[in-house]
PDB file of N, CA and C in Angstrom:
ATOM      1  N   MET A   1     160.335  92.012 126.126  1.00  0.00           N
ATOM      2  CA  MET A   1     160.714  91.917 124.715  1.00  0.00           C
ATOM      3  C   MET A   1     160.688  90.449 124.283  1.00  0.00           C
ATOM      4  N   ASN A   2     160.047  90.163 123.168  1.00  0.00           N
ATOM      5  CA  ASN A   2     159.990  88.772 122.714  1.00  0.00           C
ATOM      6  C   ASN A   2     161.276  88.397 121.975  1.00  0.00           C
ATOM      7  N   PRO A   3     161.529  87.087 121.733  1.00  0.00           N
ATOM      8  CA  PRO A   3     162.781  86.648 121.085  1.00  0.00           C
ATOM      9  C   PRO A   3     162.991  87.238 119.693  1.00  0.00           C
ATOM     10  N   GLN A   4     161.917  87.441 118.936  1.00  0.00           N
ATOM     11  CA  GLN A   4     162.072  88.011 117.595  1.00  0.00           C
ATOM     12  C   GLN A   4     162.609  89.437 117.668  1.00  0.00           C
ATOM     13  N   GLN A   5     162.168  90.194 118.634  1.00  0.00           N
ATOM     14  CA  GLN A   5     162.656  91.560 118.787  1.00  0.00           C
ATOM     15  C   GLN A   5     164.129  91.559 119.195  1.00  0.00           C
ATOM     16  N   LYS A   6     164.540  90.591 120.020  1.00  0.00           N
ATOM     17  CA  LYS A   6     165.952  90.486 120.408  1.00  0.00           C
ATOM     18  C   LYS A   6     166.813  90.168 119.188  1.00  0.00           C
ATOM     19  N   ASN A   7     166.361  89.225 118.352  1.00  0.00           N
ATOM     20  CA  ASN A   7     167.104  88.880 117.139  1.00  0.00           C
ATOM     21  C   ASN A   7     167.171  90.050 116.177  1.00  0.00           C
ATOM     22  N   LEU A   8     166.080  90.749 116.026  1.00  0.00           N
ATOM     23  CA  LEU A   8     166.056  91.897 115.138  1.00  0.00           C
ATOM     24  C   LEU A   8     167.050  92.947 115.613  1.00  0.00           C
ATOM     25  N   THR A   9     167.097  93.153 116.905  1.00  0.00           N
ATOM     26  CA  THR A   9     168.043  94.118 117.451  1.00  0.00           C
ATOM     27  C   THR A   9     169.480  93.674 117.178  1.00  0.00           C
ATOM     28  N   ALA A  10     169.751  92.376 117.318  1.00  0.00           N
ATOM     29  CA  ALA A  10     171.091  91.856 117.052  1.00  0.00           C
ATOM     30  C   ALA A  10     171.452  92.030 115.583  1.00  0.00           C
ATOM     31  N   ILE A  11     170.493  91.795 114.694  1.00  0.00           N
ATOM     32  CA  ILE A  11     170.736  91.957 113.262  1.00  0.00           C
ATOM     33  C   ILE A  11     170.967  93.428 112.929  1.00  0.00           C
ATOM     34  N   GLU A  12     170.181  94.278 113.522  1.00  0.00           N
ATOM     35  CA  GLU A  12     170.343  95.712 113.274  1.00  0.00           C
ATOM     36  C   GLU A  12     171.691  96.209 113.760  1.00  0.00           C
ATOM     37  N   LYS A  13     172.222  95.620 114.820  1.00  0.00           N
ATOM     38  CA  LYS A  13     173.514  96.044 115.362  1.00  0.00           C
ATOM     39  C   LYS A  13     174.697  95.339 114.701  1.00  0.00           C
ATOM     40  N   ALA A  14     174.455  94.470 113.738  1.00  0.00           N
ATOM     41  CA  ALA A  14     175.534  93.719 113.100  1.00  0.00           C
ATOM     42  C   ALA A  14     176.547  94.643 112.439  1.00  0.00           C
ATOM     43  N   HIS A  15     176.103  95.785 111.973  1.00  0.00           N
ATOM     44  CA  HIS A  15     177.027  96.704 111.297  1.00  0.00           C
ATOM     45  C   HIS A  15     178.051  97.294 112.259  1.00  0.00           C
ATOM     46  N   LEU A  16     177.865  97.115 113.541  1.00  0.00           N
ATOM     47  CA  LEU A  16     178.817  97.636 114.524  1.00  0.00           C
ATOM     48  C   LEU A  16     179.955  96.661 114.791  1.00  0.00           C
ATOM     49  N   LYS A  17     179.893  95.468 114.266  1.00  0.00           N
ATOM     50  CA  LYS A  17     180.923  94.464 114.494  1.00  0.00           C
ATOM     51  C   LYS A  17     182.050  94.625 113.465  1.00  0.00           C
ATOM     52  N   PRO A  18     183.305  94.279 113.852  1.00  0.00           N
ATOM     53  CA  PRO A  18     184.456  94.470 112.948  1.00  0.00           C
ATOM     54  C   PRO A  18     184.356  93.713 111.625  1.00  0.00           C
ATOM     55  N   TRP A  19     183.733  92.513 111.606  1.00  0.00           N
ATOM     56  CA  TRP A  19     183.672  91.733 110.374  1.00  0.00           C
ATOM     57  C   TRP A  19     182.792  92.381 109.320  1.00  0.00           C
ATOM     58  N   PHE A  20     182.005  93.358 109.682  1.00  0.00           N
ATOM     59  CA  PHE A  20     181.112  94.010 108.732  1.00  0.00           C
ATOM     60  C   PHE A  20     181.877  94.883 107.741  1.00  0.00           C
ATOM     61  N   TYR A  21     182.964  95.465 108.156  1.00  0.00           N
ATOM     62  CA  TYR A  21     183.686  96.441 107.347  1.00  0.00           C
ATOM     63  C   TYR A  21     184.616  95.760 106.349  1.00  0.00           C
ATOM     64  N   ALA A  22     184.708  96.318 105.162  1.00  0.00           N
ATOM     65  CA  ALA A  22     185.597  95.787 104.128  1.00  0.00           C
ATOM     66  C   ALA A  22     187.042  96.153 104.455  1.00  0.00           C
ATOM     67  N   THR A  23     187.967  95.350 103.969  1.00  0.00           N
ATOM     68  CA  THR A  23     189.375  95.641 104.189  1.00  0.00           C
ATOM     69  C   THR A  23     189.807  96.816 103.318  1.00  0.00           C
ATOM     70  N   LYS A  24     190.812  97.511 103.764  1.00  0.00           N
ATOM     71  CA  LYS A  24     191.335  98.646 103.017  1.00  0.00           C
ATOM     72  C   LYS A  24     192.342  98.123 101.995  1.00  0.00           C
ATOM     73  N   PRO A  25     192.245  98.548 100.728  1.00  0.00           N
ATOM     74  CA  PRO A  25     193.187  98.045  99.724  1.00  0.00           C
ATOM     75  C   PRO A  25     194.618  98.522 100.004  1.00  0.00           C
ATOM     76  N   THR A  26     195.573  97.698  99.618  1.00  0.00           N
ATOM     77  CA  THR A  26     196.977  98.053  99.808  1.00  0.00           C
ATOM     78  C   THR A  26     197.380  99.126  98.792  1.00  0.00           C
ATOM     79  N   ARG A  27     198.544  99.710  99.007  1.00  0.00           N
ATOM     80  CA  ARG A  27     199.042 100.732  98.070  1.00  0.00           C
ATOM     81  C   ARG A  27     199.210 100.154  96.671  1.00  0.00           C
ATOM     82  N   GLY A  28     199.682  98.898  96.609  1.00  0.00           N
ATOM     83  CA  GLY A  28     199.865  98.243  95.311  1.00  0.00           C
ATOM     84  C   GLY A  28     198.549  98.044  94.579  1.00  0.00           C
ATOM     85  N   THR A  29     197.534  97.650  95.319  1.00  0.00           N
ATOM     86  CA  THR A  29     196.218  97.456  94.719  1.00  0.00           C
ATOM     87  C   THR A  29     195.661  98.773  94.198  1.00  0.00           C
ATOM     88  N   VAL A  30     195.771  99.816  94.991  1.00  0.00           N
ATOM     89  CA  VAL A  30     195.275 101.134  94.567  1.00  0.00           C
ATOM     90  C   VAL A  30     196.048 101.599  93.337  1.00  0.00           C
ATOM     91  N   PHE A  31     197.359 101.366  93.327  1.00  0.00           N
ATOM     92  CA  PHE A  31     198.175 101.765  92.183  1.00  0.00           C
ATOM     93  C   PHE A  31     197.708 101.066  90.906  1.00  0.00           C
ATOM     94  N   LEU A  32     197.521  99.744  90.972  1.00  0.00           N
ATOM     95  CA  LEU A  32     197.106  99.011  89.781  1.00  0.00           C
ATOM     96  C   LEU A  32     195.702  99.400  89.330  1.00  0.00           C
ATOM     97  N   ARG A  33     194.839  99.760  90.263  1.00  0.00           N
ATOM     98  CA  ARG A  33     193.484 100.173  89.897  1.00  0.00           C
ATOM     99  C   ARG A  33     193.467 101.545  89.220  1.00  0.00           C
ATOM    100  N   THR A  34     194.468 102.355  89.469  1.00  0.00           N
ATOM    101  CA  THR A  34     194.477 103.718  88.927  1.00  0.00           C
ATOM    102  C   THR A  34     195.534 103.925  87.845  1.00  0.00           C
ATOM    103  N   PHE A  35     196.373 102.934  87.570  1.00  0.00           N
ATOM    104  CA  PHE A  35     197.460 103.048  86.594  1.00  0.00           C
ATOM    105  C   PHE A  35     196.906 102.723  85.200  1.00  0.00           C
ATOM    106  N   LEU A  36     196.761 103.749  84.376  1.00  0.00           N
ATOM    107  CA  LEU A  36     196.099 103.619  83.078  1.00  0.00           C
ATOM    108  C   LEU A  36     196.720 102.556  82.163  1.00  0.00           C
ATOM    109  N   PRO A  37     198.054 102.478  82.008  1.00  0.00           N
ATOM    110  CA  PRO A  37     198.601 101.420  81.133  1.00  0.00           C
ATOM    111  C   PRO A  37     198.215 100.009  81.596  1.00  0.00           C
ATOM    112  N   TRP A  38     198.187  99.777  82.890  1.00  0.00           N
ATOM    113  CA  TRP A  38     197.787  98.470  83.398  1.00  0.00           C
ATOM    114  C   TRP A  38     196.325  98.187  83.061  1.00  0.00           C
ATOM    115  N   GLN A  39     195.473  99.195  83.213  1.00  0.00           N
ATOM    116  CA  GLN A  39     194.055  99.028  82.902  1.00  0.00           C
ATOM    117  C   GLN A  39     193.850  98.769  81.404  1.00  0.00           C
ATOM    118  N   LEU A  40     194.600  99.472  80.569  1.00  0.00           N
ATOM    119  CA  LEU A  40     194.506  99.239  79.119  1.00  0.00           C
ATOM    120  C   LEU A  40     194.939  97.825  78.761  1.00  0.00           C
ATOM    121  N   TRP A  41     196.023  97.357  79.371  1.00  0.00           N
ATOM    122  CA  TRP A  41     196.507  95.996  79.117  1.00  0.00           C
ATOM    123  C   TRP A  41     195.450  94.970  79.531  1.00  0.00           C
ATOM    124  N   ARG A  42     194.840  95.154  80.695  1.00  0.00           N
ATOM    125  CA  ARG A  42     193.786  94.251  81.154  1.00  0.00           C
ATOM    126  C   ARG A  42     192.607  94.260  80.190  1.00  0.00           C
ATOM    127  N   PHE A  43     192.240  95.445  79.709  1.00  0.00           N
ATOM    128  CA  PHE A  43     191.139  95.559  78.758  1.00  0.00           C
ATOM    129  C   PHE A  43     191.441  94.772  77.489  1.00  0.00           C
ATOM    130  N   VAL A  44     192.640  94.953  76.942  1.00  0.00           N
ATOM    131  CA  VAL A  44     193.038  94.249  75.712  1.00  0.00           C
ATOM    132  C   VAL A  44     193.063  92.748  75.954  1.00  0.00           C
ATOM    133  N   ARG A  45     193.645  92.329  77.069  1.00  0.00           N
ATOM    134  CA  ARG A  45     193.760  90.909  77.374  1.00  0.00           C
ATOM    135  C   ARG A  45     192.391  90.244  77.505  1.00  0.00           C
ATOM    136  N   ILE A  46     191.478  90.901  78.198  1.00  0.00           N
ATOM    137  CA  ILE A  46     190.130  90.340  78.368  1.00  0.00           C
ATOM    138  C   ILE A  46     189.413  90.255  77.023  1.00  0.00           C
ATOM    139  N   ASN A  47     189.561  91.277  76.191  1.00  0.00           N
ATOM    140  CA  ASN A  47     188.911  91.260  74.884  1.00  0.00           C
ATOM    141  C   ASN A  47     189.497  90.177  73.984  1.00  0.00           C
ATOM    142  N   LEU A  48     190.813  89.991  74.000  1.00  0.00           N
ATOM    143  CA  LEU A  48     191.419  88.918  73.216  1.00  0.00           C
ATOM    144  C   LEU A  48     190.914  87.557  73.678  1.00  0.00           C
ATOM    145  N   LYS A  49     190.772  87.408  74.973  1.00  0.00           N
ATOM    146  CA  LYS A  49     190.262  86.153  75.512  1.00  0.00           C
ATOM    147  C   LYS A  49     188.821  85.912  75.050  1.00  0.00           C
ATOM    148  N   MET A  50     188.020  86.968  75.040  1.00  0.00           N
ATOM    149  CA  MET A  50     186.643  86.831  74.565  1.00  0.00           C
ATOM    150  C   MET A  50     186.611  86.469  73.086  1.00  0.00           C
ATOM    151  N   PHE A  51     187.466  87.106  72.284  1.00  0.00           N
ATOM    152  CA  PHE A  51     187.523  86.778  70.853  1.00  0.00           C
ATOM    153  C   PHE A  51     187.872  85.308  70.660  1.00  0.00           C
ATOM    154  N   THR A  52     188.807  84.818  71.450  1.00  0.00           N
ATOM    155  CA  THR A  52     189.219  83.423  71.348  1.00  0.00           C
ATOM    156  C   THR A  52     188.069  82.491  71.690  1.00  0.00           C
ATOM    157  N   ILE A  53     187.395  82.755  72.781  1.00  0.00           N
ATOM    158  CA  ILE A  53     186.293  81.891  73.213  1.00  0.00           C
ATOM    159  C   ILE A  53     185.143  81.934  72.210  1.00  0.00           C
ATOM    160  N   ILE A  54     184.796  83.123  71.756  1.00  0.00           N
ATOM    161  CA  ILE A  54     183.711  83.256  70.775  1.00  0.00           C
ATOM    162  C   ILE A  54     184.090  82.608  69.456  1.00  0.00           C
ATOM    163  N   GLY A  55     185.346  82.810  69.057  1.00  0.00           N
ATOM    164  CA  GLY A  55     185.812  82.190  67.814  1.00  0.00           C
ATOM    165  C   GLY A  55     185.747  80.677  67.866  1.00  0.00           C
ATOM    166  N   ARG A  56     186.111  80.086  68.999  1.00  0.00           N
ATOM    167  CA  ARG A  56     186.027  78.639  69.141  1.00  0.00           C
ATOM    168  C   ARG A  56     184.592  78.154  69.025  1.00  0.00           C
ATOM    169  N   SER A  57     183.672  78.892  69.628  1.00  0.00           N
ATOM    170  CA  SER A  57     182.270  78.470  69.579  1.00  0.00           C
ATOM    171  C   SER A  57     181.704  78.585  68.173  1.00  0.00           C
ATOM    172  N   HIS A  58     182.168  79.540  67.382  1.00  0.00           N
ATOM    173  CA  HIS A  58     181.660  79.710  66.022  1.00  0.00           C
ATOM    174  C   HIS A  58     182.260  78.676  65.074  1.00  0.00           C
ATOM    175  N   HIS A  59     183.469  78.228  65.338  1.00  0.00           N
ATOM    176  CA  HIS A  59     184.105  77.254  64.450  1.00  0.00           C
ATOM    177  C   HIS A  59     183.592  75.843  64.684  1.00  0.00           C
ATOM    178  N   SER A  60     182.939  75.607  65.778  1.00  0.00           N
ATOM    179  CA  SER A  60     182.474  74.251  66.071  1.00  0.00           C
ATOM    180  C   SER A  60     181.216  73.882  65.289  1.00  0.00           C
ATOM    181  N   HIS A  61     180.580  74.828  64.630  1.00  0.00           N
ATOM    182  CA  HIS A  61     179.325  74.538  63.896  1.00  0.00           C
ATOM    183  C   HIS A  61     179.619  74.051  62.514  1.00  0.00           C
TER     184      HIS A  61
END
């Protein structure tokens, strides 16, 4: 087996190593991701922030 084939095999097996897998979200994280009032608040907050940034850019002309 040539060195390139050895490297390819190592790359193909990378998914078997522990660092490949994503961490599991905590209960608090899952709660905030699924709690509708929190999501609505985030939506409103992000939109207000966008209005502010866009408004600043329009007033500078």
